[in-house]
Structures are given as structure tokens and as C-alpha cells.
Amino acid sequence: MRECQLRPLREEGASSHPRIGHRVEQTLDTHLLKELPMTTLTLPELAKKMAGIDFTMLQTHAGGQIAGRPMSNNGDVDYDGDSWFFTMENTDMVREISADPNVALGLTGSKSLLGKPPLFVHVQGRAALIRDRATMAQHWVKDLERWFEQGVDTPGLVLIHVHASRIHYWDGEDEGEIVV
């Protein structure tokens, strides 16, 4: 397991907008520290909350623009800071990652039955394009054959590995950042 460092989302001098960074800015006031505790989620605790989230938005950079598309984690939900996605070689996404491996993932959990807001997660990281069939086989699940009929032997198949550097999360009143 990797060591992680927890930090507040905003530093002193953060946005003066009434909603952006409000809670964390308040925690910088020493008299409010007792009222609003700093985040306590560790990566394993956050991973447990993320386990039921299948789809993510994978964002890349292209020509000064940000592009995003939904991706499935293919049941590979034992999150440790690494995400794995299958795609085809001839996609804009692969070209964009080749040009700039800095990517982001956006995940949203389901709203609870009691109306509690869902978990929101934003992951910053670097993507690597993997073409090694043995590595692909480690992350392959049978359901992927719906899109890739020849399995890991599908011509042009690529595995995208996103390694997180920072994970921001919002879970009801709790919010924070985990540095991986």
C-alpha cells in the first residue's frame, strides 16, 4: 500500500467566492478548527466508498482544449490510485494521451435513499498506454468481449493505465485531498 498525505483543499488566500473553498477557508481560523474537523479519509477508506462506481469521465488535453469521454473501469474497482481502461489505438483519446499524459478522472456516486448527496471524486494523474497482452490479461473481464470480440488479441487494443497523483473528494460535509 502506498503512503498518502492528507491536505485541505484550499490554502490560505483561497477563493473569496462565497461557496468556493468556504468550508476549508473557515477551518484556517483557529477558533473554528474545533467545529469543523479536517478530512480524515485515507485512500483505502475512499476506495471502499468508490467501489460501486463503474463509470468515470476521462479528460485529456488536445490543442489547448479539454476533451472528456465516459469510460468503464470494467469491474476493476479495488482502487489503489491506479485506474485501468481499454480502448482502441486509432482513437483521439490515445493520440491526446500520447501528446500529453496528464489526465483527469471525474466520478460521481449514486444519491443515497435518504437523499444524501452522492460522493464526488476528481483524480489528477498521468496516463500510460500499455500494449503488452499479458498486462491486459490481468485486467480483462469477460464483459469486455461486448466491445472487443477477440479479447486481448483484438487488433489495435490498448490498455490505458492512469496513476493518480492527487485525489480530491466531496462526500456530504467531508471534503479533502489525498496526495498519492
Protein backbone atom coordinates (compact mmCIF):
# COMPACT_ATOMS: atom_id res chain seq x y z
CA MET A 1 0.00 0.00 0.00
CA ARG A 2 1.27 3.47 -0.85
CA GLU A 3 1.78 6.20 1.74
CA CYS A 4 -0.61 9.11 1.32
CA GLN A 5 -0.60 12.64 2.66
CA LEU A 6 -3.86 14.40 3.54
CA ARG A 7 -4.23 18.14 2.93
CA PRO A 8 -7.09 20.64 2.93
CA LEU A 9 -8.46 21.55 -0.50
CA ARG A 10 -7.70 25.26 -0.28
CA GLU A 11 -4.78 27.08 1.24
CA GLU A 12 -4.85 30.45 2.96
CA GLY A 13 -5.87 33.15 0.49
CA ALA A 14 -8.16 30.76 -1.37
CA SER A 15 -11.11 31.98 -3.41
CA SER A 16 -13.24 34.69 -1.87
CA HIS A 17 -16.32 33.36 -3.69
CA PRO A 18 -18.94 32.59 -1.00
CA ARG A 19 -19.16 28.87 -1.94
CA ILE A 20 -15.74 28.01 -3.38
CA GLY A 21 -13.40 26.81 -0.66
CA HIS A 22 -15.69 28.25 2.04
CA ARG A 23 -15.58 25.31 4.43
CA VAL A 24 -11.83 24.83 4.21
CA GLU A 25 -11.11 28.57 4.44
CA GLN A 26 -13.11 28.61 7.67
CA THR A 27 -11.02 25.80 9.10
CA LEU A 28 -7.97 28.05 8.81
CA ASP A 29 -9.48 30.21 11.56
CA THR A 30 -8.12 28.58 14.71
CA HIS A 31 -11.31 29.18 16.69
CA LEU A 32 -13.30 27.23 14.09
CA LEU A 33 -10.93 24.28 13.90
CA LYS A 34 -12.77 22.56 16.73
CA GLU A 35 -16.14 22.98 14.99
CA LEU A 36 -15.14 21.76 11.50
CA PRO A 37 -12.68 18.85 11.62
CA MET A 38 -10.20 18.37 8.81
CA THR A 39 -10.66 15.43 6.49
CA THR A 40 -9.93 12.02 7.87
CA LEU A 41 -10.44 9.72 4.85
CA THR A 42 -7.49 7.57 3.89
CA LEU A 43 -7.03 6.10 0.41
CA PRO A 44 -8.39 2.67 1.48
CA GLU A 45 -11.46 4.33 3.06
CA LEU A 46 -12.09 6.40 -0.06
CA ALA A 47 -11.56 3.30 -2.23
CA LYS A 48 -14.28 1.48 -0.28
CA LYS A 49 -16.72 4.33 -0.98
CA MET A 50 -15.71 4.34 -4.68
CA ALA A 51 -16.18 0.57 -5.12
CA GLY A 52 -19.71 0.85 -6.51
CA ILE A 53 -18.87 3.49 -9.12
CA ASP A 54 -18.40 1.88 -12.53
CA PHE A 55 -18.21 4.84 -14.90
CA THR A 56 -15.83 7.77 -14.90
CA MET A 57 -15.24 10.72 -17.19
CA LEU A 58 -11.68 10.58 -18.53
CA GLN A 59 -10.41 14.03 -19.53
CA THR A 60 -7.43 14.70 -21.79
CA HIS A 61 -5.87 17.79 -23.37
CA ALA A 62 -5.96 18.46 -27.10
CA GLY A 63 -4.81 21.65 -28.82
CA GLY A 64 -5.43 23.80 -25.76
CA GLN A 65 -8.88 22.27 -25.23
CA ILE A 66 -10.10 19.73 -22.69
CA ALA A 67 -11.81 16.63 -24.07
CA GLY A 68 -13.77 14.13 -21.99
CA ARG A 69 -15.47 10.83 -22.54
CA PRO A 70 -17.15 8.21 -20.32
CA MET A 71 -15.13 5.10 -19.56
CA SER A 72 -15.92 1.97 -17.57
CA ASN A 73 -13.48 0.63 -15.01
CA ASN A 74 -14.53 -2.85 -16.18
CA GLY A 75 -15.18 -4.12 -12.68
CA ASP A 76 -11.59 -3.26 -11.66
CA VAL A 77 -12.82 -1.33 -8.61
CA ASP A 78 -10.31 -2.24 -5.90
CA TYR A 79 -8.94 1.30 -6.12
CA ASP A 80 -5.36 1.91 -5.02
CA GLY A 81 -4.63 5.06 -7.03
CA ASP A 82 -4.43 3.19 -10.33
CA SER A 83 -7.23 3.02 -12.91
CA TRP A 84 -7.35 0.80 -15.99
CA PHE A 85 -9.38 1.35 -19.19
CA PHE A 86 -9.49 -0.46 -22.54
CA THR A 87 -9.81 1.38 -25.85
CA MET A 88 -8.64 1.19 -29.45
CA GLU A 89 -5.35 2.52 -30.82
CA ASN A 90 -6.98 4.68 -33.51
CA THR A 91 -8.90 6.97 -31.11
CA ASP A 92 -8.47 10.67 -30.40
CA MET A 93 -8.04 9.75 -26.74
CA VAL A 94 -4.92 7.66 -27.46
CA ARG A 95 -3.46 10.44 -29.64
CA GLU A 96 -4.16 13.01 -26.92
CA ILE A 97 -2.57 10.88 -24.19
CA SER A 98 0.46 10.29 -26.41
CA ALA A 99 0.89 14.05 -26.77
CA ASP A 100 0.16 14.91 -23.10
CA PRO A 101 -0.16 12.14 -20.50
CA ASN A 102 -1.64 14.47 -17.83
CA VAL A 103 -5.27 13.43 -17.42
CA ALA A 104 -8.16 13.75 -15.01
CA LEU A 105 -10.94 11.41 -13.95
CA GLY A 106 -14.32 12.53 -12.65
CA LEU A 107 -16.50 10.08 -10.72
CA THR A 108 -19.94 10.52 -9.16
CA GLY A 109 -21.57 8.02 -6.85
CA SER A 110 -25.29 7.38 -6.53
CA LYS A 111 -27.55 9.53 -4.39
CA SER A 112 -28.49 7.70 -1.20
CA LEU A 113 -32.02 6.52 -0.48
CA LEU A 114 -32.22 9.11 2.28
CA GLY A 115 -31.39 11.95 -0.11
CA LYS A 116 -27.78 12.41 1.00
CA PRO A 117 -25.67 13.93 -1.81
CA PRO A 118 -23.52 11.43 -3.70
CA LEU A 119 -19.78 11.04 -3.43
CA PHE A 120 -17.86 13.18 -5.94
CA VAL A 121 -14.25 12.35 -6.81
CA HIS A 122 -11.75 14.16 -9.04
CA VAL A 123 -8.48 12.38 -9.81
CA GLN A 124 -5.43 14.08 -11.31
CA GLY A 125 -2.86 11.73 -12.76
CA ARG A 126 -0.66 10.57 -15.60
CA ALA A 127 -1.74 8.06 -18.20
CA ALA A 128 0.39 5.39 -19.81
CA LEU A 129 -0.59 3.45 -22.92
CA ILE A 130 0.01 -0.28 -22.50
CA ARG A 131 0.14 -2.68 -25.40
CA ASP A 132 1.50 -5.70 -23.52
CA ARG A 133 -1.02 -8.56 -23.82
CA ALA A 134 0.00 -10.15 -20.50
CA THR A 135 -0.74 -6.91 -18.63
CA MET A 136 -4.03 -6.57 -20.50
CA ALA A 137 -4.99 -10.11 -19.49
CA GLN A 138 -4.54 -9.19 -15.80
CA HIS A 139 -7.27 -6.52 -16.14
CA TRP A 140 -9.53 -8.32 -18.61
CA VAL A 141 -13.10 -9.32 -17.72
CA LYS A 142 -15.42 -11.36 -19.92
CA ASP A 143 -17.95 -8.50 -20.24
CA LEU A 144 -15.40 -6.58 -22.33
CA GLU A 145 -15.96 -9.00 -25.21
CA ARG A 146 -19.09 -6.99 -25.97
CA TRP A 147 -16.78 -4.27 -27.34
CA PHE A 148 -13.64 -6.26 -28.10
CA GLU A 149 -14.76 -9.59 -29.59
CA GLN A 150 -11.28 -11.11 -29.87
CA GLY A 151 -10.39 -10.39 -26.24
CA VAL A 152 -6.86 -9.21 -25.54
CA ASP A 153 -5.95 -10.35 -29.06
CA THR A 154 -8.21 -7.70 -30.62
CA PRO A 155 -6.07 -5.86 -33.20
CA GLY A 156 -5.34 -2.29 -32.07
CA LEU A 157 -6.41 -2.88 -28.45
CA VAL A 158 -4.75 -0.55 -25.92
CA LEU A 159 -4.92 -0.51 -22.13
CA ILE A 160 -4.82 2.93 -20.51
CA HIS A 161 -3.24 2.98 -17.06
CA VAL A 162 -3.95 6.15 -15.06
CA HIS A 163 -1.80 6.58 -11.96
CA ALA A 164 -3.23 9.19 -9.59
CA SER A 165 -1.10 11.96 -8.13
CA ARG A 166 -3.92 13.80 -6.31
CA ILE A 167 -7.44 12.80 -5.44
CA HIS A 168 -9.98 15.43 -4.42
CA TYR A 169 -13.25 14.23 -2.93
CA TRP A 170 -16.52 15.62 -1.63
CA ASP A 171 -18.69 13.34 0.49
CA GLY A 172 -21.51 15.22 2.17
CA GLU A 173 -19.86 17.58 4.64
CA ASP A 174 -16.49 15.85 4.31
CA GLU A 175 -14.11 17.03 1.63
CA GLY A 176 -10.41 16.73 1.18
CA GLU A 177 -7.43 15.85 -0.92
CA ILE A 178 -5.26 12.77 -0.85
CA VAL A 179 -1.79 13.07 -2.33
CA VAL A 180 -0.77 9.66 -3.67
